[in-house]
């Protein structure tokens, strides 16, 4: 099941206080970037983020879910209507994420 554009727009609106949020469509789902680094995405109308130590600390009860078959599980963000929490989550994750891969 592909994610709806409405849910993507809702998540992007909730993240709108953060400068540098972008997204890219990929096979009916959406990858979300913060300042050029992948933080997670919208998969089957769920907002999932990479399981960094900071994200795990902020969401100790969050379940690991697979975005789609064959990839590593990610953390399900249940508290998507709390902009202050989302800001803290994303800004806290940023330094723990790998640098963007350079194209050759």
N, C-alpha and C. Protein backbone atom coordinates (compact mmCIF):
# COMPACT_ATOMS: atom_id res chain seq x y z
N UNK A 1 0.84 -1.18 0.00
CA UNK A 1 0.00 0.00 0.00
C UNK A 1 0.89 1.24 0.00
N UNK A 2 0.68 2.13 -0.91
CA UNK A 2 1.46 3.37 -0.99
C UNK A 2 0.90 4.40 0.00
N UNK A 3 1.76 5.32 0.38
CA UNK A 3 1.35 6.39 1.30
C UNK A 3 0.54 7.44 0.54
N UNK A 4 -0.37 8.06 1.26
CA UNK A 4 -1.18 9.11 0.64
C UNK A 4 -0.42 10.43 0.66
N UNK A 5 -0.68 11.23 -0.32
CA UNK A 5 -0.08 12.57 -0.39
C UNK A 5 -0.58 13.42 0.78
N UNK A 6 -1.80 13.18 1.22
CA UNK A 6 -2.37 13.93 2.35
C UNK A 6 -1.58 13.68 3.63
N UNK A 7 -1.22 12.41 3.88
CA UNK A 7 -0.46 12.10 5.09
C UNK A 7 0.94 12.71 5.00
N UNK A 8 1.56 12.62 3.83
CA UNK A 8 2.87 13.25 3.64
C UNK A 8 2.78 14.74 3.94
N UNK A 9 1.78 15.42 3.38
CA UNK A 9 1.63 16.86 3.61
C UNK A 9 1.41 17.17 5.09
N UNK A 10 0.67 16.31 5.79
CA UNK A 10 0.47 16.48 7.22
C UNK A 10 1.81 16.41 7.96
N UNK A 11 2.62 15.38 7.65
CA UNK A 11 3.92 15.23 8.32
C UNK A 11 4.83 16.42 7.97
N UNK A 12 4.86 16.82 6.72
CA UNK A 12 5.70 17.96 6.34
C UNK A 12 5.24 19.23 7.05
N UNK A 13 3.95 19.40 7.24
CA UNK A 13 3.43 20.55 7.97
C UNK A 13 3.89 20.50 9.43
N UNK A 14 3.83 19.33 10.03
CA UNK A 14 4.27 19.18 11.43
C UNK A 14 5.77 19.45 11.57
N UNK A 15 6.54 19.20 10.52
CA UNK A 15 7.99 19.43 10.54
C UNK A 15 8.38 20.81 10.02
N UNK A 16 7.40 21.64 9.70
CA UNK A 16 7.67 22.90 9.01
C UNK A 16 8.47 23.91 9.84
N UNK A 17 8.56 23.73 11.15
CA UNK A 17 9.36 24.65 11.96
C UNK A 17 10.86 24.39 11.82
N UNK A 18 11.22 23.29 11.21
CA UNK A 18 12.62 22.94 10.99
C UNK A 18 13.07 23.42 9.62
N UNK A 19 14.13 24.19 9.57
CA UNK A 19 14.69 24.61 8.28
C UNK A 19 15.50 23.46 7.71
N UNK A 20 15.30 23.16 6.45
CA UNK A 20 16.09 22.13 5.80
C UNK A 20 15.40 20.80 5.64
N UNK A 21 14.08 20.74 5.85
CA UNK A 21 13.33 19.50 5.62
C UNK A 21 12.96 19.43 4.14
N UNK A 22 13.29 18.32 3.51
CA UNK A 22 12.90 18.07 2.12
C UNK A 22 12.43 16.62 2.03
N UNK A 23 11.78 16.29 0.94
CA UNK A 23 11.37 14.90 0.74
C UNK A 23 11.51 14.53 -0.73
N UNK A 24 11.53 13.23 -0.94
CA UNK A 24 11.65 12.70 -2.30
C UNK A 24 10.76 11.48 -2.40
N UNK A 25 9.96 11.44 -3.45
CA UNK A 25 9.10 10.29 -3.69
C UNK A 25 9.94 9.13 -4.21
N UNK A 26 9.60 7.92 -3.71
CA UNK A 26 10.30 6.74 -4.18
C UNK A 26 9.35 5.55 -4.09
N UNK A 27 8.91 5.08 -5.22
CA UNK A 27 8.08 3.88 -5.32
C UNK A 27 6.83 3.96 -4.45
N UNK A 28 6.13 5.08 -4.47
CA UNK A 28 4.88 5.23 -3.73
C UNK A 28 5.06 5.63 -2.29
N UNK A 29 6.29 5.76 -1.84
CA UNK A 29 6.59 6.17 -0.48
C UNK A 29 7.43 7.45 -0.55
N UNK A 30 7.82 8.00 0.61
CA UNK A 30 8.51 9.28 0.63
C UNK A 30 9.67 9.24 1.62
N UNK A 31 10.86 9.55 1.14
CA UNK A 31 12.04 9.65 1.99
C UNK A 31 12.12 11.09 2.47
N UNK A 32 12.38 11.27 3.77
CA UNK A 32 12.46 12.61 4.34
C UNK A 32 13.90 12.89 4.75
N UNK A 33 14.36 14.08 4.37
CA UNK A 33 15.73 14.53 4.64
C UNK A 33 15.70 15.74 5.56
N UNK A 34 16.74 15.87 6.37
CA UNK A 34 16.95 17.08 7.17
C UNK A 34 18.38 17.52 6.90
N UNK A 35 18.49 18.71 6.31
CA UNK A 35 19.80 19.27 5.95
C UNK A 35 20.63 18.28 5.14
N UNK A 36 19.97 17.59 4.22
CA UNK A 36 20.65 16.69 3.30
C UNK A 36 20.85 15.27 3.78
N UNK A 37 20.56 14.99 5.05
CA UNK A 37 20.71 13.63 5.58
C UNK A 37 19.34 12.96 5.69
N UNK A 38 19.30 11.67 5.37
CA UNK A 38 18.05 10.91 5.49
C UNK A 38 17.75 10.68 6.97
N UNK A 39 16.56 11.13 7.40
CA UNK A 39 16.15 10.89 8.78
C UNK A 39 15.15 9.75 8.88
N UNK A 40 14.45 9.48 7.78
CA UNK A 40 13.42 8.45 7.77
C UNK A 40 12.51 8.65 6.60
N UNK A 41 11.22 8.40 6.81
CA UNK A 41 10.29 8.57 5.71
C UNK A 41 8.87 8.25 6.10
N UNK A 42 8.01 8.40 5.11
CA UNK A 42 6.60 8.07 5.24
C UNK A 42 6.38 6.80 4.43
N UNK A 43 6.00 5.74 5.14
CA UNK A 43 5.80 4.43 4.54
C UNK A 43 4.44 3.90 4.98
N UNK A 44 3.58 3.58 4.05
CA UNK A 44 2.24 3.08 4.36
C UNK A 44 1.54 3.98 5.38
N UNK A 45 1.63 5.28 5.16
CA UNK A 45 1.03 6.29 6.05
C UNK A 45 1.50 6.15 7.50
N UNK A 46 2.77 5.83 7.66
CA UNK A 46 3.42 5.80 8.97
C UNK A 46 4.68 6.65 8.86
N UNK A 47 4.99 7.43 9.89
CA UNK A 47 6.23 8.20 9.92
C UNK A 47 7.26 7.38 10.69
N UNK A 48 8.28 6.92 9.98
CA UNK A 48 9.33 6.09 10.56
C UNK A 48 10.65 6.85 10.50
N UNK A 49 11.46 6.72 11.55
CA UNK A 49 12.78 7.37 11.57
C UNK A 49 13.85 6.32 11.85
N UNK A 50 15.09 6.68 11.49
CA UNK A 50 16.22 5.79 11.74
C UNK A 50 16.39 5.59 13.24
N UNK A 51 16.74 4.39 13.66
CA UNK A 51 16.86 4.09 15.09
C UNK A 51 18.22 4.53 15.66
N UNK A 52 18.46 5.83 15.70
CA UNK A 52 19.69 6.35 16.29
C UNK A 52 19.60 6.27 17.81
N UNK A 53 20.74 6.34 18.51
CA UNK A 53 20.68 6.34 19.97
C UNK A 53 19.80 7.46 20.54
N UNK A 54 19.88 8.65 19.96
CA UNK A 54 19.06 9.76 20.44
C UNK A 54 17.58 9.52 20.23
N UNK A 55 17.21 8.97 19.09
CA UNK A 55 15.80 8.68 18.81
C UNK A 55 15.29 7.60 19.77
N UNK A 56 16.11 6.59 20.02
CA UNK A 56 15.70 5.53 20.94
C UNK A 56 15.53 6.08 22.36
N UNK A 57 16.40 7.01 22.76
CA UNK A 57 16.30 7.59 24.10
C UNK A 57 15.03 8.42 24.25
N UNK A 58 14.64 9.15 23.19
CA UNK A 58 13.44 9.97 23.25
C UNK A 58 12.15 9.15 23.11
N UNK A 59 12.27 7.98 22.50
CA UNK A 59 11.09 7.14 22.28
C UNK A 59 11.39 5.71 22.74
N UNK A 60 11.62 5.50 24.04
CA UNK A 60 12.01 4.16 24.50
C UNK A 60 10.95 3.08 24.28
N UNK A 61 9.70 3.49 24.15
CA UNK A 61 8.62 2.53 23.95
C UNK A 61 8.28 2.32 22.48
N UNK A 62 8.95 3.05 21.58
CA UNK A 62 8.63 2.97 20.15
C UNK A 62 8.96 1.59 19.60
N UNK A 63 8.07 1.11 18.78
CA UNK A 63 8.28 -0.19 18.15
C UNK A 63 9.11 -0.07 16.89
N UNK A 64 9.88 -1.11 16.63
CA UNK A 64 10.62 -1.17 15.37
C UNK A 64 9.71 -1.76 14.31
N UNK A 65 9.63 -1.09 13.19
CA UNK A 65 8.80 -1.54 12.08
C UNK A 65 9.59 -1.48 10.79
N UNK A 66 9.29 -2.41 9.91
CA UNK A 66 9.97 -2.46 8.63
C UNK A 66 9.20 -1.61 7.62
N UNK A 67 9.90 -0.66 6.99
CA UNK A 67 9.22 0.17 5.98
C UNK A 67 8.68 -0.66 4.82
N UNK A 68 9.50 -1.60 4.36
CA UNK A 68 9.10 -2.53 3.32
C UNK A 68 10.08 -3.70 3.37
N UNK A 69 9.74 -4.77 2.73
CA UNK A 69 10.52 -6.00 2.82
C UNK A 69 11.95 -5.81 2.34
N UNK A 70 12.88 -6.36 3.12
CA UNK A 70 14.27 -6.35 2.71
C UNK A 70 15.11 -5.19 3.24
N UNK A 71 14.54 -4.36 4.09
CA UNK A 71 15.31 -3.24 4.64
C UNK A 71 15.32 -3.31 6.17
N UNK A 72 16.23 -2.55 6.76
CA UNK A 72 16.35 -2.53 8.21
C UNK A 72 15.13 -1.88 8.85
N UNK A 73 14.74 -2.36 10.02
CA UNK A 73 13.60 -1.75 10.71
C UNK A 73 13.91 -0.33 11.18
N UNK A 74 12.86 0.44 11.33
CA UNK A 74 12.95 1.82 11.78
C UNK A 74 12.00 2.02 12.94
N UNK A 75 12.14 3.16 13.62
CA UNK A 75 11.27 3.48 14.76
C UNK A 75 9.99 4.15 14.29
N UNK A 76 8.86 3.70 14.80
CA UNK A 76 7.58 4.31 14.50
C UNK A 76 7.38 5.52 15.41
N UNK A 77 7.12 6.67 14.80
CA UNK A 77 6.86 7.89 15.57
C UNK A 77 5.35 8.00 15.76
N UNK A 78 4.91 7.81 16.99
CA UNK A 78 3.48 7.91 17.31
C UNK A 78 3.06 9.34 17.60
N UNK A 79 3.96 10.12 18.14
CA UNK A 79 3.66 11.46 18.63
C UNK A 79 3.83 12.50 17.51
N UNK A 80 3.17 12.29 16.38
CA UNK A 80 3.39 13.15 15.22
C UNK A 80 2.68 14.49 15.31
N UNK A 81 1.84 14.69 16.29
CA UNK A 81 1.13 15.97 16.40
C UNK A 81 1.78 16.93 17.40
N UNK A 82 2.93 16.56 17.93
CA UNK A 82 3.65 17.39 18.89
C UNK A 82 4.88 17.98 18.18
N UNK A 83 4.74 19.20 17.67
CA UNK A 83 5.81 19.83 16.90
C UNK A 83 7.09 20.02 17.70
N UNK A 84 6.96 20.38 18.98
CA UNK A 84 8.14 20.57 19.82
C UNK A 84 8.90 19.25 19.97
N UNK A 85 8.16 18.16 20.17
CA UNK A 85 8.80 16.85 20.27
C UNK A 85 9.49 16.49 18.96
N UNK A 86 8.82 16.69 17.83
CA UNK A 86 9.41 16.36 16.53
C UNK A 86 10.68 17.17 16.28
N UNK A 87 10.67 18.42 16.66
CA UNK A 87 11.86 19.26 16.50
C UNK A 87 13.01 18.70 17.33
N UNK A 88 12.74 18.38 18.59
CA UNK A 88 13.77 17.81 19.47
C UNK A 88 14.29 16.49 18.92
N UNK A 89 13.38 15.65 18.43
CA UNK A 89 13.75 14.36 17.86
C UNK A 89 14.67 14.52 16.66
N UNK A 90 14.26 15.31 15.70
CA UNK A 90 15.02 15.46 14.45
C UNK A 90 16.36 16.14 14.70
N UNK A 91 16.36 17.23 15.47
CA UNK A 91 17.61 17.92 15.75
C UNK A 91 18.56 17.05 16.57
N UNK A 92 18.01 16.21 17.45
CA UNK A 92 18.84 15.30 18.22
C UNK A 92 19.43 14.17 17.40
N UNK A 93 18.70 13.73 16.39
CA UNK A 93 19.17 12.66 15.52
C UNK A 93 20.26 13.13 14.56
N UNK A 94 20.18 14.37 14.13
CA UNK A 94 21.01 14.87 13.04
C UNK A 94 22.51 14.57 13.21
N UNK A 95 23.12 14.89 14.36
CA UNK A 95 24.56 14.61 14.47
C UNK A 95 24.91 13.13 14.45
N UNK A 96 23.95 12.27 14.72
CA UNK A 96 24.20 10.83 14.76
C UNK A 96 24.03 10.16 13.40
N UNK A 97 23.54 10.88 12.44
CA UNK A 97 23.29 10.32 11.11
C UNK A 97 24.55 10.38 10.26
N UNK A 98 24.75 9.39 9.37
CA UNK A 98 25.92 9.44 8.50
C UNK A 98 25.86 10.60 7.52
N UNK A 99 27.03 11.06 7.12
CA UNK A 99 27.10 12.14 6.14
C UNK A 99 26.51 11.65 4.81
N UNK A 100 26.01 12.61 4.06
CA UNK A 100 25.48 12.31 2.72
C UNK A 100 26.58 11.74 1.85
N UNK A 101 26.28 10.67 1.12
CA UNK A 101 27.26 10.05 0.24
C UNK A 101 27.53 10.96 -0.96
N UNK A 102 28.79 11.13 -1.28
CA UNK A 102 29.17 11.96 -2.42
C UNK A 102 29.03 11.16 -3.71
N UNK A 103 28.48 11.81 -4.73
CA UNK A 103 28.38 11.17 -6.04
C UNK A 103 29.75 11.21 -6.72
N UNK A 104 30.03 10.17 -7.47
CA UNK A 104 31.32 10.12 -8.16
C UNK A 104 31.26 10.81 -9.48
